[in-house]
């Protein structure tokens, strides 16, 4: 799950950076995820799903190992893929000059 989560976080960070912003160090992952509403226009459901995985990742990374099931890992991977597509579409519509030709 960690790799898929980090991929999703990088997608969100890309959208934030392209918009001319960066998240502060405090609650960095939370702020990057929440910024998706303002950058790519992500709905509350997508943001809530990402935030739930953020919380689960924090527990898994810092408190308990083996917390994430195979199903949850696959769900996070699907969510990361969805976010990548959304960010790519947003880039194409709003910042196509940044994409390879």
PDB file of N, CA and C in Angstrom:
ATOM      1  N   UNK A   1       0.815  -1.185   0.000  1.00  0.00           N
ATOM      2  CA  UNK A   1       0.000   0.000   0.000  1.00  0.00           C
ATOM      3  C   UNK A   1       0.862   1.253   0.000  1.00  0.00           C
ATOM      4  N   UNK A   2       2.006   1.206   0.642  1.00  0.00           N
ATOM      5  CA  UNK A   2       2.837   2.398   0.783  1.00  0.00           C
ATOM      6  C   UNK A   2       3.256   2.964  -0.568  1.00  0.00           C
ATOM      7  N   UNK A   3       3.597   2.100  -1.510  1.00  0.00           N
ATOM      8  CA  UNK A   3       4.024   2.585  -2.828  1.00  0.00           C
ATOM      9  C   UNK A   3       2.866   3.268  -3.541  1.00  0.00           C
ATOM     10  N   UNK A   4       1.683   2.666  -3.498  1.00  0.00           N
ATOM     11  CA  UNK A   4       0.511   3.267  -4.143  1.00  0.00           C
ATOM     12  C   UNK A   4       0.136   4.580  -3.465  1.00  0.00           C
ATOM     13  N   UNK A   5       0.206   4.613  -2.132  1.00  0.00           N
ATOM     14  CA  UNK A   5      -0.089   5.845  -1.403  1.00  0.00           C
ATOM     15  C   UNK A   5       0.889   6.947  -1.797  1.00  0.00           C
ATOM     16  N   UNK A   6       2.173   6.612  -1.845  1.00  0.00           N
ATOM     17  CA  UNK A   6       3.177   7.610  -2.220  1.00  0.00           C
ATOM     18  C   UNK A   6       2.979   8.093  -3.652  1.00  0.00           C
ATOM     19  N   UNK A   7       2.556   7.210  -4.542  1.00  0.00           N
ATOM     20  CA  UNK A   7       2.274   7.618  -5.922  1.00  0.00           C
ATOM     21  C   UNK A   7       1.124   8.617  -5.952  1.00  0.00           C
ATOM     22  N   UNK A   8       0.077   8.343  -5.191  1.00  0.00           N
ATOM     23  CA  UNK A   8      -1.064   9.265  -5.125  1.00  0.00           C
ATOM     24  C   UNK A   8      -0.637  10.599  -4.521  1.00  0.00           C
ATOM     25  N   UNK A   9       0.177  10.536  -3.481  1.00  0.00           N
ATOM     26  CA  UNK A   9       0.653  11.767  -2.846  1.00  0.00           C
ATOM     27  C   UNK A   9       1.483  12.596  -3.823  1.00  0.00           C
ATOM     28  N   UNK A  10       2.300  11.953  -4.635  1.00  0.00           N
ATOM     29  CA  UNK A  10       3.095  12.670  -5.634  1.00  0.00           C
ATOM     30  C   UNK A  10       2.203  13.314  -6.691  1.00  0.00           C
ATOM     31  N   UNK A  11       1.133  12.645  -7.074  1.00  0.00           N
ATOM     32  CA  UNK A  11       0.183  13.240  -8.025  1.00  0.00           C
ATOM     33  C   UNK A  11      -0.428  14.506  -7.433  1.00  0.00           C
ATOM     34  N   UNK A  12      -0.855  14.415  -6.179  1.00  0.00           N
ATOM     35  CA  UNK A  12      -1.449  15.573  -5.512  1.00  0.00           C
ATOM     36  C   UNK A  12      -0.424  16.693  -5.346  1.00  0.00           C
ATOM     37  N   UNK A  13       0.803  16.340  -5.020  1.00  0.00           N
ATOM     38  CA  UNK A  13       1.875  17.326  -4.867  1.00  0.00           C
ATOM     39  C   UNK A  13       2.175  18.011  -6.194  1.00  0.00           C
ATOM     40  N   UNK A  14       2.130  17.258  -7.277  1.00  0.00           N
ATOM     41  CA  UNK A  14       2.347  17.831  -8.610  1.00  0.00           C
ATOM     42  C   UNK A  14       1.301  18.889  -8.910  1.00  0.00           C
ATOM     43  N   UNK A  15       0.038  18.566  -8.674  1.00  0.00           N
ATOM     44  CA  UNK A  15      -1.036  19.528  -8.935  1.00  0.00           C
ATOM     45  C   UNK A  15      -0.861  20.782  -8.085  1.00  0.00           C
ATOM     46  N   UNK A  16      -0.470  20.610  -6.847  1.00  0.00           N
ATOM     47  CA  UNK A  16      -0.264  21.750  -5.959  1.00  0.00           C
ATOM     48  C   UNK A  16       0.898  22.616  -6.443  1.00  0.00           C
ATOM     49  N   UNK A  17       2.005  21.984  -6.818  1.00  0.00           N
ATOM     50  CA  UNK A  17       3.179  22.725  -7.288  1.00  0.00           C
ATOM     51  C   UNK A  17       2.894  23.458  -8.591  1.00  0.00           C
ATOM     52  N   UNK A  18       2.216  22.795  -9.514  1.00  0.00           N
ATOM     53  CA  UNK A  18       1.883  23.431 -10.794  1.00  0.00           C
ATOM     54  C   UNK A  18       0.975  24.639 -10.560  1.00  0.00           C
ATOM     55  N   UNK A  19       0.170  24.575  -9.509  1.00  0.00           N
ATOM     56  CA  UNK A  19      -0.716  25.691  -9.171  1.00  0.00           C
ATOM     57  C   UNK A  19       0.027  26.817  -8.459  1.00  0.00           C
ATOM     58  N   UNK A  20       1.315  26.607  -8.186  1.00  0.00           N
ATOM     59  CA  UNK A  20       2.131  27.655  -7.588  1.00  0.00           C
ATOM     60  C   UNK A  20       2.220  27.607  -6.075  1.00  0.00           C
ATOM     61  N   UNK A  21       1.886  26.474  -5.489  1.00  0.00           N
ATOM     62  CA  UNK A  21       1.889  26.356  -4.034  1.00  0.00           C
ATOM     63  C   UNK A  21       2.692  25.143  -3.588  1.00  0.00           C
ATOM     64  N   UNK A  22       2.942  25.093  -2.291  1.00  0.00           N
ATOM     65  CA  UNK A  22       3.511  23.910  -1.670  1.00  0.00           C
ATOM     66  C   UNK A  22       2.952  23.827  -0.259  1.00  0.00           C
ATOM     67  N   UNK A  23       2.903  22.634   0.254  1.00  0.00           N
ATOM     68  CA  UNK A  23       2.357  22.426   1.595  1.00  0.00           C
ATOM     69  C   UNK A  23       3.422  22.718   2.641  1.00  0.00           C
ATOM     70  N   UNK A  24       2.964  23.215   3.774  1.00  0.00           N
ATOM     71  CA  UNK A  24       3.898  23.443   4.872  1.00  0.00           C
ATOM     72  C   UNK A  24       4.339  22.099   5.443  1.00  0.00           C
ATOM     73  N   UNK A  25       5.357  22.138   6.242  1.00  0.00           N
ATOM     74  CA  UNK A  25       5.892  20.898   6.819  1.00  0.00           C
ATOM     75  C   UNK A  25       4.914  20.280   7.812  1.00  0.00           C
ATOM     76  N   UNK A  26       4.197  21.113   8.539  1.00  0.00           N
ATOM     77  CA  UNK A  26       3.227  20.604   9.507  1.00  0.00           C
ATOM     78  C   UNK A  26       2.040  20.004   8.771  1.00  0.00           C
ATOM     79  N   UNK A  27       1.720  18.776   9.075  1.00  0.00           N
ATOM     80  CA  UNK A  27       0.584  18.068   8.465  1.00  0.00           C
ATOM     81  C   UNK A  27       0.677  18.083   6.940  1.00  0.00           C
ATOM     82  N   UNK A  28       1.882  17.885   6.437  1.00  0.00           N
ATOM     83  CA  UNK A  28       2.162  17.973   5.002  1.00  0.00           C
ATOM     84  C   UNK A  28       1.237  17.074   4.172  1.00  0.00           C
ATOM     85  N   UNK A  29       1.152  15.803   4.491  1.00  0.00           N
ATOM     86  CA  UNK A  29       0.337  14.879   3.694  1.00  0.00           C
ATOM     87  C   UNK A  29      -1.133  15.283   3.740  1.00  0.00           C
ATOM     88  N   UNK A  30      -1.618  15.650   4.917  1.00  0.00           N
ATOM     89  CA  UNK A  30      -3.009  16.080   5.063  1.00  0.00           C
ATOM     90  C   UNK A  30      -3.295  17.281   4.168  1.00  0.00           C
ATOM     91  N   UNK A  31      -2.435  18.271   4.220  1.00  0.00           N
ATOM     92  CA  UNK A  31      -2.650  19.494   3.436  1.00  0.00           C
ATOM     93  C   UNK A  31      -2.585  19.225   1.933  1.00  0.00           C
ATOM     94  N   UNK A  32      -1.666  18.386   1.504  1.00  0.00           N
ATOM     95  CA  UNK A  32      -1.557  18.060   0.078  1.00  0.00           C
ATOM     96  C   UNK A  32      -2.832  17.368  -0.398  1.00  0.00           C
ATOM     97  N   UNK A  33      -3.325  16.430   0.382  1.00  0.00           N
ATOM     98  CA  UNK A  33      -4.554  15.723   0.003  1.00  0.00           C
ATOM     99  C   UNK A  33      -5.733  16.690  -0.033  1.00  0.00           C
ATOM    100  N   UNK A  34      -5.863  17.527   0.976  1.00  0.00           N
ATOM    101  CA  UNK A  34      -6.978  18.480   1.014  1.00  0.00           C
ATOM    102  C   UNK A  34      -6.912  19.485  -0.137  1.00  0.00           C
ATOM    103  N   UNK A  35      -5.719  19.787  -0.613  1.00  0.00           N
ATOM    104  CA  UNK A  35      -5.564  20.768  -1.695  1.00  0.00           C
ATOM    105  C   UNK A  35      -6.178  20.297  -3.004  1.00  0.00           C
ATOM    106  N   UNK A  36      -6.420  19.005  -3.143  1.00  0.00           N
ATOM    107  CA  UNK A  36      -6.981  18.482  -4.395  1.00  0.00           C
ATOM    108  C   UNK A  36      -8.333  19.108  -4.727  1.00  0.00           C
ATOM    109  N   UNK A  37      -9.075  19.528  -3.728  1.00  0.00           N
ATOM    110  CA  UNK A  37     -10.356  20.202  -3.986  1.00  0.00           C
ATOM    111  C   UNK A  37     -10.129  21.512  -4.726  1.00  0.00           C
ATOM    112  N   UNK A  38      -9.021  22.171  -4.450  1.00  0.00           N
ATOM    113  CA  UNK A  38      -8.738  23.483  -5.036  1.00  0.00           C
ATOM    114  C   UNK A  38      -7.913  23.399  -6.310  1.00  0.00           C
ATOM    115  N   UNK A  39      -7.153  22.335  -6.470  1.00  0.00           N
ATOM    116  CA  UNK A  39      -6.309  22.225  -7.663  1.00  0.00           C
ATOM    117  C   UNK A  39      -7.057  21.548  -8.798  1.00  0.00           C
ATOM    118  N   UNK A  40      -7.404  20.288  -8.627  1.00  0.00           N
ATOM    119  CA  UNK A  40      -8.049  19.554  -9.727  1.00  0.00           C
ATOM    120  C   UNK A  40      -9.563  19.488  -9.576  1.00  0.00           C
ATOM    121  N   UNK A  41     -10.098  20.101  -8.517  1.00  0.00           N
ATOM    122  CA  UNK A  41     -11.542  20.062  -8.292  1.00  0.00           C
ATOM    123  C   UNK A  41     -12.042  18.708  -7.824  1.00  0.00           C
ATOM    124  N   UNK A  42     -11.210  17.989  -7.087  1.00  0.00           N
ATOM    125  CA  UNK A  42     -11.595  16.663  -6.584  1.00  0.00           C
ATOM    126  C   UNK A  42     -12.785  16.778  -5.645  1.00  0.00           C
ATOM    127  N   UNK A  43     -13.660  15.783  -5.715  1.00  0.00           N
ATOM    128  CA  UNK A  43     -14.837  15.796  -4.850  1.00  0.00           C
ATOM    129  C   UNK A  43     -14.490  15.280  -3.455  1.00  0.00           C
ATOM    130  N   UNK A  44     -15.422  15.484  -2.540  1.00  0.00           N
ATOM    131  CA  UNK A  44     -15.203  15.125  -1.142  1.00  0.00           C
ATOM    132  C   UNK A  44     -14.969  13.629  -0.961  1.00  0.00           C
ATOM    133  N   UNK A  45     -15.583  12.813  -1.799  1.00  0.00           N
ATOM    134  CA  UNK A  45     -15.420  11.362  -1.677  1.00  0.00           C
ATOM    135  C   UNK A  45     -13.984  10.939  -1.952  1.00  0.00           C
ATOM    136  N   UNK A  46     -13.410  11.443  -3.034  1.00  0.00           N
ATOM    137  CA  UNK A  46     -12.025  11.110  -3.371  1.00  0.00           C
ATOM    138  C   UNK A  46     -11.082  11.562  -2.264  1.00  0.00           C
ATOM    139  N   UNK A  47     -11.293  12.768  -1.784  1.00  0.00           N
ATOM    140  CA  UNK A  47     -10.437  13.304  -0.724  1.00  0.00           C
ATOM    141  C   UNK A  47     -10.588  12.476   0.552  1.00  0.00           C
ATOM    142  N   UNK A  48     -11.804  12.102   0.896  1.00  0.00           N
ATOM    143  CA  UNK A  48     -12.033  11.291   2.100  1.00  0.00           C
ATOM    144  C   UNK A  48     -11.369   9.921   1.981  1.00  0.00           C
ATOM    145  N   UNK A  49     -11.437   9.315   0.802  1.00  0.00           N
ATOM    146  CA  UNK A  49     -10.792   8.012   0.604  1.00  0.00           C
ATOM    147  C   UNK A  49      -9.280   8.125   0.763  1.00  0.00           C
ATOM    148  N   UNK A  50      -8.698   9.147   0.153  1.00  0.00           N
ATOM    149  CA  UNK A  50      -7.250   9.342   0.289  1.00  0.00           C
ATOM    150  C   UNK A  50      -6.867   9.621   1.736  1.00  0.00           C
ATOM    151  N   UNK A  51      -7.677  10.422   2.420  1.00  0.00           N
ATOM    152  CA  UNK A  51      -7.370  10.754   3.805  1.00  0.00           C
ATOM    153  C   UNK A  51      -7.478   9.523   4.706  1.00  0.00           C
ATOM    154  N   UNK A  52      -8.426   8.643   4.416  1.00  0.00           N
ATOM    155  CA  UNK A  52      -8.540   7.404   5.196  1.00  0.00           C
ATOM    156  C   UNK A  52      -7.289   6.547   5.024  1.00  0.00           C
ATOM    157  N   UNK A  53      -6.781   6.471   3.793  1.00  0.00           N
ATOM    158  CA  UNK A  53      -5.544   5.716   3.569  1.00  0.00           C
ATOM    159  C   UNK A  53      -4.354   6.420   4.212  1.00  0.00           C
ATOM    160  N   UNK A  54      -4.365   7.745   4.258  1.00  0.00           N
ATOM    161  CA  UNK A  54      -3.293   8.488   4.934  1.00  0.00           C
ATOM    162  C   UNK A  54      -3.250   8.095   6.408  1.00  0.00           C
ATOM    163  N   UNK A  55      -4.410   8.058   7.033  1.00  0.00           N
ATOM    164  CA  UNK A  55      -4.476   7.692   8.450  1.00  0.00           C
ATOM    165  C   UNK A  55      -4.015   6.254   8.665  1.00  0.00           C
ATOM    166  N   UNK A  56      -4.467   5.351   7.810  1.00  0.00           N
ATOM    167  CA  UNK A  56      -4.079   3.940   7.922  1.00  0.00           C
ATOM    168  C   UNK A  56      -2.570   3.793   7.714  1.00  0.00           C
ATOM    169  N   UNK A  57      -2.022   4.539   6.764  1.00  0.00           N
ATOM    170  CA  UNK A  57      -0.584   4.494   6.504  1.00  0.00           C
ATOM    171  C   UNK A  57       0.190   4.978   7.727  1.00  0.00           C
ATOM    172  N   UNK A  58      -0.291   6.054   8.355  1.00  0.00           N
ATOM    173  CA  UNK A  58       0.387   6.564   9.548  1.00  0.00           C
ATOM    174  C   UNK A  58       0.422   5.520  10.653  1.00  0.00           C
ATOM    175  N   UNK A  59      -0.683   4.844  10.864  1.00  0.00           N
ATOM    176  CA  UNK A  59      -0.725   3.806  11.895  1.00  0.00           C
ATOM    177  C   UNK A  59       0.221   2.668  11.522  1.00  0.00           C
ATOM    178  N   UNK A  60       0.170   2.249  10.268  1.00  0.00           N
ATOM    179  CA  UNK A  60       1.028   1.152   9.810  1.00  0.00           C
ATOM    180  C   UNK A  60       2.500   1.491   9.853  1.00  0.00           C
ATOM    181  N   UNK A  61       2.823   2.740   9.499  1.00  0.00           N
ATOM    182  CA  UNK A  61       4.233   3.149   9.487  1.00  0.00           C
ATOM    183  C   UNK A  61       4.790   3.385  10.882  1.00  0.00           C
ATOM    184  N   UNK A  62       3.969   3.930  11.763  1.00  0.00           N
ATOM    185  CA  UNK A  62       4.498   4.390  13.037  1.00  0.00           C
ATOM    186  C   UNK A  62       4.059   3.574  14.251  1.00  0.00           C
ATOM    187  N   UNK A  63       2.994   2.770  14.124  1.00  0.00           N
ATOM    188  CA  UNK A  63       2.496   2.087  15.313  1.00  0.00           C
ATOM    189  C   UNK A  63       2.426   0.568  15.192  1.00  0.00           C
ATOM    190  N   UNK A  64       1.872   0.059  14.068  1.00  0.00           N
ATOM    191  CA  UNK A  64       1.662  -1.385  13.945  1.00  0.00           C
ATOM    192  C   UNK A  64       1.959  -1.845  12.536  1.00  0.00           C
ATOM    193  N   UNK A  65       2.636  -2.960  12.437  1.00  0.00           N
ATOM    194  CA  UNK A  65       2.894  -3.564  11.127  1.00  0.00           C
ATOM    195  C   UNK A  65       1.762  -4.534  10.797  1.00  0.00           C
ATOM    196  N   UNK A  66       1.575  -4.827   9.519  1.00  0.00           N
ATOM    197  CA  UNK A  66       0.581  -5.801   9.092  1.00  0.00           C
ATOM    198  C   UNK A  66      -0.846  -5.329   9.201  1.00  0.00           C
ATOM    199  N   UNK A  67      -1.054  -4.037   9.241  1.00  0.00           N
ATOM    200  CA  UNK A  67      -2.389  -3.478   9.423  1.00  0.00           C
ATOM    201  C   UNK A  67      -3.202  -3.474   8.134  1.00  0.00           C
ATOM    202  N   UNK A  68      -2.543  -3.459   6.990  1.00  0.00           N
ATOM    203  CA  UNK A  68      -3.214  -3.306   5.698  1.00  0.00           C
ATOM    204  C   UNK A  68      -3.432  -4.669   5.055  1.00  0.00           C
ATOM    205  N   UNK A  69      -4.667  -4.913   4.634  1.00  0.00           N
ATOM    206  CA  UNK A  69      -4.984  -6.173   3.960  1.00  0.00           C
ATOM    207  C   UNK A  69      -4.635  -6.075   2.477  1.00  0.00           C
ATOM    208  N   UNK A  70      -4.609  -7.211   1.813  1.00  0.00           N
ATOM    209  CA  UNK A  70      -4.369  -7.248   0.369  1.00  0.00           C
ATOM    210  C   UNK A  70      -5.455  -6.466  -0.366  1.00  0.00           C
ATOM    211  N   UNK A  71      -6.689  -6.592   0.080  1.00  0.00           N
ATOM    212  CA  UNK A  71      -7.805  -5.865  -0.543  1.00  0.00           C
ATOM    213  C   UNK A  71      -7.603  -4.362  -0.420  1.00  0.00           C
ATOM    214  N   UNK A  72      -7.195  -3.907   0.762  1.00  0.00           N
ATOM    215  CA  UNK A  72      -6.957  -2.475   0.954  1.00  0.00           C
ATOM    216  C   UNK A  72      -5.798  -1.987   0.097  1.00  0.00           C
ATOM    217  N   UNK A  73      -4.782  -2.795  -0.033  1.00  0.00           N
ATOM    218  CA  UNK A  73      -3.654  -2.419  -0.889  1.00  0.00           C
ATOM    219  C   UNK A  73      -4.114  -2.273  -2.335  1.00  0.00           C
ATOM    220  N   UNK A  74      -4.961  -3.182  -2.792  1.00  0.00           N
ATOM    221  CA  UNK A  74      -5.492  -3.092  -4.158  1.00  0.00           C
ATOM    222  C   UNK A  74      -6.399  -1.873  -4.319  1.00  0.00           C
ATOM    223  N   UNK A  75      -7.176  -1.547  -3.292  1.00  0.00           N
ATOM    224  CA  UNK A  75      -8.028  -0.352  -3.335  1.00  0.00           C
ATOM    225  C   UNK A  75      -7.180   0.909  -3.434  1.00  0.00           C
ATOM    226  N   UNK A  76      -6.083   0.954  -2.683  1.00  0.00           N
ATOM    227  CA  UNK A  76      -5.202   2.122  -2.734  1.00  0.00           C
ATOM    228  C   UNK A  76      -4.552   2.227  -4.097  1.00  0.00           C
ATOM    229  N   UNK A  77      -4.173   1.115  -4.674  1.00  0.00           N
ATOM    230  CA  UNK A  77      -3.580   1.121  -6.011  1.00  0.00           C
ATOM    231  C   UNK A  77      -4.581   1.655  -7.035  1.00  0.00           C
ATOM    232  N   UNK A  78      -5.821   1.215  -6.961  1.00  0.00           N
ATOM    233  CA  UNK A  78      -6.857   1.705  -7.879  1.00  0.00           C
ATOM    234  C   UNK A  78      -7.097   3.196  -7.674  1.00  0.00           C
ATOM    235  N   UNK A  79      -7.077   3.645  -6.429  1.00  0.00           N
ATOM    236  CA  UNK A  79      -7.264   5.061  -6.131  1.00  0.00           C
ATOM    237  C   UNK A  79      -6.105   5.885  -6.685  1.00  0.00           C
ATOM    238  N   UNK A  80      -4.889   5.386  -6.546  1.00  0.00           N
ATOM    239  CA  UNK A  80      -3.716   6.084  -7.092  1.00  0.00           C
ATOM    240  C   UNK A  80      -3.807   6.191  -8.606  1.00  0.00           C
ATOM    241  N   UNK A  81      -4.246   5.125  -9.255  1.00  0.00           N
ATOM    242  CA  UNK A  81      -4.397   5.161 -10.718  1.00  0.00           C
ATOM    243  C   UNK A  81      -5.461   6.172 -11.133  1.00  0.00           C
ATOM    244  N   UNK A  82      -6.574   6.193 -10.417  1.00  0.00           N
ATOM    245  CA  UNK A  82      -7.639   7.157 -10.702  1.00  0.00           C
ATOM    246  C   UNK A  82      -7.127   8.582 -10.543  1.00  0.00           C
ATOM    247  N   UNK A  83      -6.398   8.831  -9.472  1.00  0.00           N
ATOM    248  CA  UNK A  83      -5.875  10.176  -9.233  1.00  0.00           C
ATOM    249  C   UNK A  83      -4.872  10.562 -10.310  1.00  0.00           C
ATOM    250  N   UNK A  84      -4.023   9.636 -10.716  1.00  0.00           N
ATOM    251  CA  UNK A  84      -3.064   9.936 -11.788  1.00  0.00           C
ATOM    252  C   UNK A  84      -3.793  10.363 -13.057  1.00  0.00           C
ATOM    253  N   UNK A  85      -4.835   9.650 -13.406  1.00  0.00           N
ATOM    254  CA  UNK A  85      -5.610   9.998 -14.600  1.00  0.00           C
ATOM    255  C   UNK A  85      -6.242  11.373 -14.438  1.00  0.00           C
ATOM    256  N   UNK A  86      -6.809  11.648 -13.271  1.00  0.00           N
ATOM    257  CA  UNK A  86      -7.436  12.957 -13.029  1.00  0.00           C
ATOM    258  C   UNK A  86      -6.421  14.088 -13.129  1.00  0.00           C
ATOM    259  N   UNK A  87      -5.235  13.885 -12.557  1.00  0.00           N
ATOM    260  CA  UNK A  87      -4.201  14.923 -12.606  1.00  0.00           C
ATOM    261  C   UNK A  87      -3.700  15.099 -14.034  1.00  0.00           C
ATOM    262  N   UNK A  88      -3.508  14.010 -14.762  1.00  0.00           N
ATOM    263  CA  UNK A  88      -3.079  14.121 -16.165  1.00  0.00           C
ATOM    264  C   UNK A  88      -4.114  14.875 -16.998  1.00  0.00           C
ATOM    265  N   UNK A  89      -5.396  14.592 -16.798  1.00  0.00           N
ATOM    266  CA  UNK A  89      -6.453  15.308 -17.524  1.00  0.00           C
ATOM    267  C   UNK A  89      -6.454  16.786 -17.157  1.00  0.00           C
ATOM    268  N   UNK A  90      -6.279  17.076 -15.875  1.00  0.00           N
ATOM    269  CA  UNK A  90      -6.234  18.457 -15.409  1.00  0.00           C
ATOM    270  C   UNK A  90      -5.036  19.187 -16.015  1.00  0.00           C
ATOM    271  N   UNK A  91      -3.892  18.518 -16.043  1.00  0.00           N
ATOM    272  CA  UNK A  91      -2.713  19.124 -16.665  1.00  0.00           C
ATOM    273  C   UNK A  91      -2.963  19.392 -18.144  1.00  0.00           C
ATOM    274  N   UNK A  92      -3.551  18.440 -18.841  1.00  0.00           N
ATOM    275  CA  UNK A  92      -3.832  18.607 -20.269  1.00  0.00           C
ATOM    276  C   UNK A  92      -4.750  19.801 -20.508  1.00  0.00           C
ATOM    277  N   UNK A  93      -5.751  19.969 -19.667  1.00  0.00           N
ATOM    278  CA  UNK A  93      -6.719  21.050 -19.842  1.00  0.00           C
ATOM    279  C   UNK A  93      -6.187  22.407 -19.403  1.00  0.00           C
ATOM    280  N   UNK A  94      -5.336  22.431 -18.393  1.00  0.00           N
ATOM    281  CA  UNK A  94      -4.932  23.700 -17.790  1.00  0.00           C
ATOM    282  C   UNK A  94      -3.462  24.068 -17.946  1.00  0.00           C
ATOM    283  N   UNK A  95      -2.621  23.084 -18.175  1.00  0.00           N
ATOM    284  CA  UNK A  95      -1.180  23.340 -18.242  1.00  0.00           C
ATOM    285  C   UNK A  95      -0.527  22.421 -19.265  1.00  0.00           C
ATOM    286  N   UNK A  96      -1.099  22.338 -20.432  1.00  0.00           N
ATOM    287  CA  UNK A  96      -0.619  21.388 -21.446  1.00  0.00           C
ATOM    288  C   UNK A  96       0.823  21.657 -21.864  1.00  0.00           C
ATOM    289  N   UNK A  97       1.289  22.878 -21.689  1.00  0.00           N
ATOM    290  CA  UNK A  97       2.665  23.218 -22.049  1.00  0.00           C
ATOM    291  C   UNK A  97       3.683  22.454 -21.198  1.00  0.00           C
ATOM    292  N   UNK A  98       3.252  21.901 -20.078  1.00  0.00           N
ATOM    293  CA  UNK A  98       4.156  21.137 -19.216  1.00  0.00           C
ATOM    294  C   UNK A  98       4.278  19.671 -19.620  1.00  0.00           C
ATOM    295  N   UNK A  99       3.401  19.222 -20.495  1.00  0.00           N
ATOM    296  CA  UNK A  99       3.384  17.816 -20.893  1.00  0.00           C
ATOM    297  C   UNK A  99       4.262  17.584 -22.107  1.00  0.00           C
ATOM    298  N   UNK A 100       4.831  16.386 -22.204  1.00  0.00           N
ATOM    299  CA  UNK A 100       5.637  16.075 -23.397  1.00  0.00           C
ATOM    300  C   UNK A 100       4.752  16.047 -24.636  1.00  0.00           C
ATOM    301  N   UNK A 101       5.349  16.404 -25.748  1.00  0.00           N
ATOM    302  CA  UNK A 101       4.573  16.441 -27.000  1.00  0.00           C
ATOM    303  C   UNK A 101       4.623  15.135 -27.714  1.00  0.00           C
TER     304      UNK A 101
END
